[in-house]
Amino acid sequence: MTTNPIDLKTALDGFDAVWSPRIIAYLNDYDIRLARFHGEHVWHVHLETDEFFLVLDGEIDIALREREGERTVTLPRGSVFVVPRGTFHKPSSAGGAAVLLVEPTGTLSVGDDHDEVPGHVDVTTGHPVRE
């Protein structure tokens, strides 16, 4: 990983695969990841960690299965949301989006438990960004 500043636009221009996060930096025991969202991900849960979303471009929806029932939060560009650990969720984006995520290093993109993973979703702990 570089010790130089990283331009987010340049990093995003370096890949076009959706649902295939790129690790742009490490912060203590956390990955800072960039991802492109388009269409639907998969219902999944992270049992031991929260998941941080910052929408850089576009808009995303995150469906949540909570004790009170299901709901969907919509995050336009510039919005931040944290999915609490233990909450089943399914991100999606109808028009496409660029998102910055913060997760513990080694966190699987489909969580600890998930529905059947569709072919367009990359099951990964993140790929290094091209420098």
C-alpha atoms as a PDB file:
ATOM      1  CA  MET A   1       0.000   0.000   0.000  1.00  0.00           C
ATOM      2  CA  THR A   2       1.255   3.453  -0.851  1.00  0.00           C
ATOM      3  CA  THR A   3       2.328   6.114   1.620  1.00  0.00           C
ATOM      4  CA  ASN A   4       1.325   8.777  -0.895  1.00  0.00           C
ATOM      5  CA  PRO A   5      -2.059  10.506  -1.174  1.00  0.00           C
ATOM      6  CA  ILE A   6      -4.669   8.609  -3.180  1.00  0.00           C
ATOM      7  CA  ASP A   7      -7.004  10.414  -5.552  1.00  0.00           C
ATOM      8  CA  LEU A   8     -10.402   8.730  -5.229  1.00  0.00           C
ATOM      9  CA  LYS A   9     -11.465   9.584  -8.787  1.00  0.00           C
ATOM     10  CA  THR A  10      -8.293   8.027 -10.189  1.00  0.00           C
ATOM     11  CA  ALA A  11      -8.771   4.932  -8.022  1.00  0.00           C
ATOM     12  CA  LEU A  12     -12.398   4.584  -9.161  1.00  0.00           C
ATOM     13  CA  ASP A  13     -11.384   5.094 -12.798  1.00  0.00           C
ATOM     14  CA  GLY A  14      -9.048   2.103 -12.381  1.00  0.00           C
ATOM     15  CA  PHE A  15     -11.880  -0.456 -12.218  1.00  0.00           C
ATOM     16  CA  ASP A  16     -15.438  -0.878 -13.414  1.00  0.00           C
ATOM     17  CA  ALA A  17     -16.460  -4.172 -11.801  1.00  0.00           C
ATOM     18  CA  VAL A  18     -19.547  -3.835  -9.611  1.00  0.00           C
ATOM     19  CA  TRP A  19     -19.798  -5.455  -6.181  1.00  0.00           C
ATOM     20  CA  SER A  20     -16.027  -6.055  -6.206  1.00  0.00           C
ATOM     21  CA  PRO A  21     -14.448  -3.744  -3.587  1.00  0.00           C
ATOM     22  CA  ARG A  22     -10.921  -2.360  -3.886  1.00  0.00           C
ATOM     23  CA  ILE A  23      -8.798  -1.680  -0.817  1.00  0.00           C
ATOM     24  CA  ILE A  24      -7.366   1.834  -1.048  1.00  0.00           C
ATOM     25  CA  ALA A  25      -5.900   2.146   2.453  1.00  0.00           C
ATOM     26  CA  TYR A  26      -5.536   0.513   5.837  1.00  0.00           C
ATOM     27  CA  LEU A  27      -6.398   2.203   9.119  1.00  0.00           C
ATOM     28  CA  ASN A  28      -5.231   0.200  12.120  1.00  0.00           C
ATOM     29  CA  ASP A  29      -7.060  -3.129  11.644  1.00  0.00           C
ATOM     30  CA  TYR A  30      -9.532  -1.734   9.105  1.00  0.00           C
ATOM     31  CA  ASP A  31      -9.726  -1.648   5.315  1.00  0.00           C
ATOM     32  CA  ILE A  32     -10.851   1.496   3.552  1.00  0.00           C
ATOM     33  CA  ARG A  33     -12.540   0.151   0.430  1.00  0.00           C
ATOM     34  CA  LEU A  34     -14.008   1.619  -2.739  1.00  0.00           C
ATOM     35  CA  ALA A  35     -16.803  -0.189  -4.528  1.00  0.00           C
ATOM     36  CA  ARG A  36     -19.096   0.311  -7.459  1.00  0.00           C
ATOM     37  CA  PHE A  37     -22.713  -0.610  -6.846  1.00  0.00           C
ATOM     38  CA  HIS A  38     -25.243  -1.393  -9.571  1.00  0.00           C
ATOM     39  CA  GLY A  39     -28.263  -3.652  -9.319  1.00  0.00           C
ATOM     40  CA  GLU A  40     -28.708  -5.758  -6.193  1.00  0.00           C
ATOM     41  CA  HIS A  41     -26.168  -7.334  -3.852  1.00  0.00           C
ATOM     42  CA  VAL A  42     -27.267 -10.247  -1.632  1.00  0.00           C
ATOM     43  CA  TRP A  43     -28.963 -10.406   1.760  1.00  0.00           C
ATOM     44  CA  HIS A  44     -26.154 -10.911   4.255  1.00  0.00           C
ATOM     45  CA  VAL A  45     -25.062 -10.246   7.831  1.00  0.00           C
ATOM     46  CA  HIS A  46     -21.784  -9.386   9.556  1.00  0.00           C
ATOM     47  CA  LEU A  47     -22.077 -10.975  12.991  1.00  0.00           C
ATOM     48  CA  GLU A  48     -19.072  -9.304  14.621  1.00  0.00           C
ATOM     49  CA  THR A  49     -18.759  -5.901  12.931  1.00  0.00           C
ATOM     50  CA  ASP A  50     -20.686  -2.833  11.884  1.00  0.00           C
ATOM     51  CA  GLU A  51     -20.403  -1.752   8.237  1.00  0.00           C
ATOM     52  CA  PHE A  52     -19.810   1.900   7.249  1.00  0.00           C
ATOM     53  CA  PHE A  53     -21.074   3.313   3.931  1.00  0.00           C
ATOM     54  CA  LEU A  54     -20.227   6.748   2.445  1.00  0.00           C
ATOM     55  CA  VAL A  55     -21.829   7.442  -0.930  1.00  0.00           C
ATOM     56  CA  LEU A  56     -19.347   9.300  -3.129  1.00  0.00           C
ATOM     57  CA  ASP A  57     -21.473   9.381  -6.266  1.00  0.00           C
ATOM     58  CA  GLY A  58     -24.949   8.213  -7.206  1.00  0.00           C
ATOM     59  CA  GLU A  59     -27.511   6.843  -4.769  1.00  0.00           C
ATOM     60  CA  ILE A  60     -27.906   3.558  -2.949  1.00  0.00           C
ATOM     61  CA  ASP A  61     -30.624   1.796  -1.019  1.00  0.00           C
ATOM     62  CA  ILE A  62     -29.919  -0.515   1.884  1.00  0.00           C
ATOM     63  CA  ALA A  63     -32.711  -2.897   2.816  1.00  0.00           C
ATOM     64  CA  LEU A  64     -32.571  -3.883   6.485  1.00  0.00           C
ATOM     65  CA  ARG A  65     -34.161  -6.728   8.439  1.00  0.00           C
ATOM     66  CA  GLU A  66     -34.595  -5.340  11.922  1.00  0.00           C
ATOM     67  CA  ARG A  67     -36.448  -6.519  15.018  1.00  0.00           C
ATOM     68  CA  GLU A  68     -39.330  -4.181  14.118  1.00  0.00           C
ATOM     69  CA  GLY A  69     -39.490  -5.519  10.550  1.00  0.00           C
ATOM     70  CA  GLU A  70     -37.969  -4.676   7.202  1.00  0.00           C
ATOM     71  CA  ARG A  71     -37.190  -1.139   6.083  1.00  0.00           C
ATOM     72  CA  THR A  72     -35.081   0.495   3.402  1.00  0.00           C
ATOM     73  CA  VAL A  73     -32.824   3.503   3.866  1.00  0.00           C
ATOM     74  CA  THR A  74     -31.898   5.624   0.852  1.00  0.00           C
ATOM     75  CA  LEU A  75     -28.490   7.276   0.763  1.00  0.00           C
ATOM     76  CA  PRO A  76     -27.928  10.005  -1.817  1.00  0.00           C
ATOM     77  CA  ARG A  77     -24.481  11.310  -2.694  1.00  0.00           C
ATOM     78  CA  GLY A  78     -22.643  12.586   0.385  1.00  0.00           C
ATOM     79  CA  SER A  79     -24.631  10.448   2.850  1.00  0.00           C
ATOM     80  CA  VAL A  80     -23.194   8.179   5.516  1.00  0.00           C
ATOM     81  CA  PHE A  81     -24.873   5.179   7.131  1.00  0.00           C
ATOM     82  CA  VAL A  82     -23.720   2.427   9.469  1.00  0.00           C
ATOM     83  CA  VAL A  83     -25.358  -1.003   9.388  1.00  0.00           C
ATOM     84  CA  PRO A  84     -25.107  -2.374  12.932  1.00  0.00           C
ATOM     85  CA  ARG A  85     -23.471  -5.752  13.455  1.00  0.00           C
ATOM     86  CA  GLY A  86     -25.936  -8.609  13.401  1.00  0.00           C
ATOM     87  CA  THR A  87     -28.353  -6.847  11.028  1.00  0.00           C
ATOM     88  CA  PHE A  88     -29.214  -8.612   7.781  1.00  0.00           C
ATOM     89  CA  HIS A  89     -28.979  -6.113   4.944  1.00  0.00           C
ATOM     90  CA  LYS A  90     -28.982  -5.917   1.156  1.00  0.00           C
ATOM     91  CA  PRO A  91     -27.436  -2.941  -0.654  1.00  0.00           C
ATOM     92  CA  SER A  92     -28.657  -1.990  -4.113  1.00  0.00           C
ATOM     93  CA  SER A  93     -28.405   0.836  -6.620  1.00  0.00           C
ATOM     94  CA  ALA A  94     -30.742   1.265  -9.565  1.00  0.00           C
ATOM     95  CA  GLY A  95     -28.620   3.863 -11.354  1.00  0.00           C
ATOM     96  CA  GLY A  96     -25.162   2.922 -10.114  1.00  0.00           C
ATOM     97  CA  ALA A  97     -23.028   4.433  -7.372  1.00  0.00           C
ATOM     98  CA  ALA A  98     -19.506   4.766  -6.029  1.00  0.00           C
ATOM     99  CA  VAL A  99     -19.210   3.975  -2.325  1.00  0.00           C
ATOM    100  CA  LEU A 100     -16.462   4.125   0.295  1.00  0.00           C
ATOM    101  CA  LEU A 101     -16.707   1.360   2.906  1.00  0.00           C
ATOM    102  CA  VAL A 102     -14.867   0.839   6.183  1.00  0.00           C
ATOM    103  CA  GLU A 103     -14.640  -2.705   7.528  1.00  0.00           C
ATOM    104  CA  PRO A 104     -12.199  -4.767   9.598  1.00  0.00           C
ATOM    105  CA  THR A 105      -9.450  -6.277   7.442  1.00  0.00           C
ATOM    106  CA  GLY A 106     -10.503  -9.705   6.212  1.00  0.00           C
ATOM    107  CA  THR A 107     -14.249  -9.007   6.284  1.00  0.00           C
ATOM    108  CA  LEU A 108     -15.956 -10.996   3.535  1.00  0.00           C
ATOM    109  CA  SER A 109     -18.096  -8.964   1.118  1.00  0.00           C
ATOM    110  CA  VAL A 110     -21.025 -11.338   1.653  1.00  0.00           C
ATOM    111  CA  GLY A 111     -20.755 -11.422   5.434  1.00  0.00           C
ATOM    112  CA  ASP A 112     -20.779 -14.369   7.783  1.00  0.00           C
ATOM    113  CA  ASP A 113     -24.162 -15.647   6.612  1.00  0.00           C
ATOM    114  CA  HIS A 114     -25.931 -14.889   3.342  1.00  0.00           C
ATOM    115  CA  ASP A 115     -28.509 -15.940   0.802  1.00  0.00           C
ATOM    116  CA  GLU A 116     -27.375 -17.620  -2.405  1.00  0.00           C
ATOM    117  CA  VAL A 117     -24.767 -15.379  -4.031  1.00  0.00           C
ATOM    118  CA  PRO A 118     -25.636 -14.308  -7.582  1.00  0.00           C
ATOM    119  CA  GLY A 119     -22.896 -14.492 -10.216  1.00  0.00           C
ATOM    120  CA  HIS A 120     -22.450 -10.713 -10.442  1.00  0.00           C
ATOM    121  CA  VAL A 121     -21.381 -10.439  -6.769  1.00  0.00           C
ATOM    122  CA  ASP A 122     -17.682 -10.964  -6.039  1.00  0.00           C
ATOM    123  CA  VAL A 123     -17.139 -12.993  -2.863  1.00  0.00           C
ATOM    124  CA  THR A 124     -13.963 -11.340  -1.599  1.00  0.00           C
ATOM    125  CA  THR A 125     -12.179  -9.678   1.280  1.00  0.00           C
ATOM    126  CA  GLY A 126     -11.239  -6.920  -1.169  1.00  0.00           C
ATOM    127  CA  HIS A 127      -8.759  -6.503  -3.983  1.00  0.00           C
ATOM    128  CA  PRO A 128      -5.803  -4.110  -3.904  1.00  0.00           C
ATOM    129  CA  VAL A 129      -6.352  -0.919  -5.847  1.00  0.00           C
ATOM    130  CA  ARG A 130      -3.953  -0.358  -8.740  1.00  0.00           C
ATOM    131  CA  GLU A 131      -1.463   2.354  -7.944  1.00  0.00           C
END
